[in-house]
Amino acid sequence: NAVNTYGHSSQDYYGGYKSLIGYNWTFSSNKKRVTPTIYFSENEKDKLVTISIDDKEQEVLLSGEGSKTIHLSKGSVRWGGLYSKNGRGVFGFIEEEDGEPIPVDTIRKNWTKIENFNYGEQQQMKLRPRGSVLFLQEIESSKEQTIVVEIGSGNGVYMLLNGEYLTAHFSPERKDWQTETVMLPLKKGMNQLVIKYFNRFEDKLNYSIQPLTTWQVYSQELQPAVLNSDKLHKVSLKLAQPNSKVSPIRLNNVEIKVF
């Protein structure tokens, strides 16, 4: 699992939030030299990143030399209840980010169940500027696996899986509609996806949730890296040319294999 590096990004007071700006991993190996492979989704394609292995940097354009179609195992996932509640505070305030699932009693008390939700369709609701709404989606998995969902959002979106940070970004371009694929590493049993939608500029919110049954994973071999003499080694990932030091990295679907 990665150790995240965070900054504080802010369009203005209301749009401030914790932005993820880098990933850091450690691994053990007795090898002197490795040729890593990076895996990513359509979201990350064509981004320029900097990858450091034992402090030796290489700049990589994620072009996707190879690709593979992944199919969701039939019957392995059940999309359960969908709930909503009004958001509070600035964009970056999300009290559910505590590393734990939301207790059932809390859901019953503070959340409203949504019936007959139209998954995969762009939807719209009235929402004042600086307003927000949260959705809680229960996802039951028969095994530990990674699945993919396409999320549609407006000015800003903040996502958690089982109480832990997935991704967050705010659109300074004032986009009122954008979509992204998000990989969800599910545990066996019940999982909770929390999505906070934030409306900064508009008088309405556009949103969607689309479970995917197939998706593309791209792969690309990196330059060989010479490891230091230690048994424990470091890998880091960041944008090569971010708009600012605190711009969100938005590389949450990336995986690097060094063996």
Foldseek 3Di string as FASTA:
>chain_A
DWDWDWDWDDPDQQAIAIFTFKTKDKDFDQDQKWWKKKKAFPQQAQFWKWKAKQNDIDIDGRHFPDKDKDFADPPFKDWDWKKKAWDDGGPHDDVLQPQAADDPVCCVVGIGTDPPDDAPDKDKDFAAASTKMKMKIKMAGQAFDKFKKKKKWFQWKWKDKRNHGQGIAGHPVRGQIDIDMGIDGDHHGIMMMMMMGHHHDDRMIIIHMHGDRMGMMGMDIDDMDGHDNDRMMMMMMGGPDDPDSRHHRPRSRMDMDGD
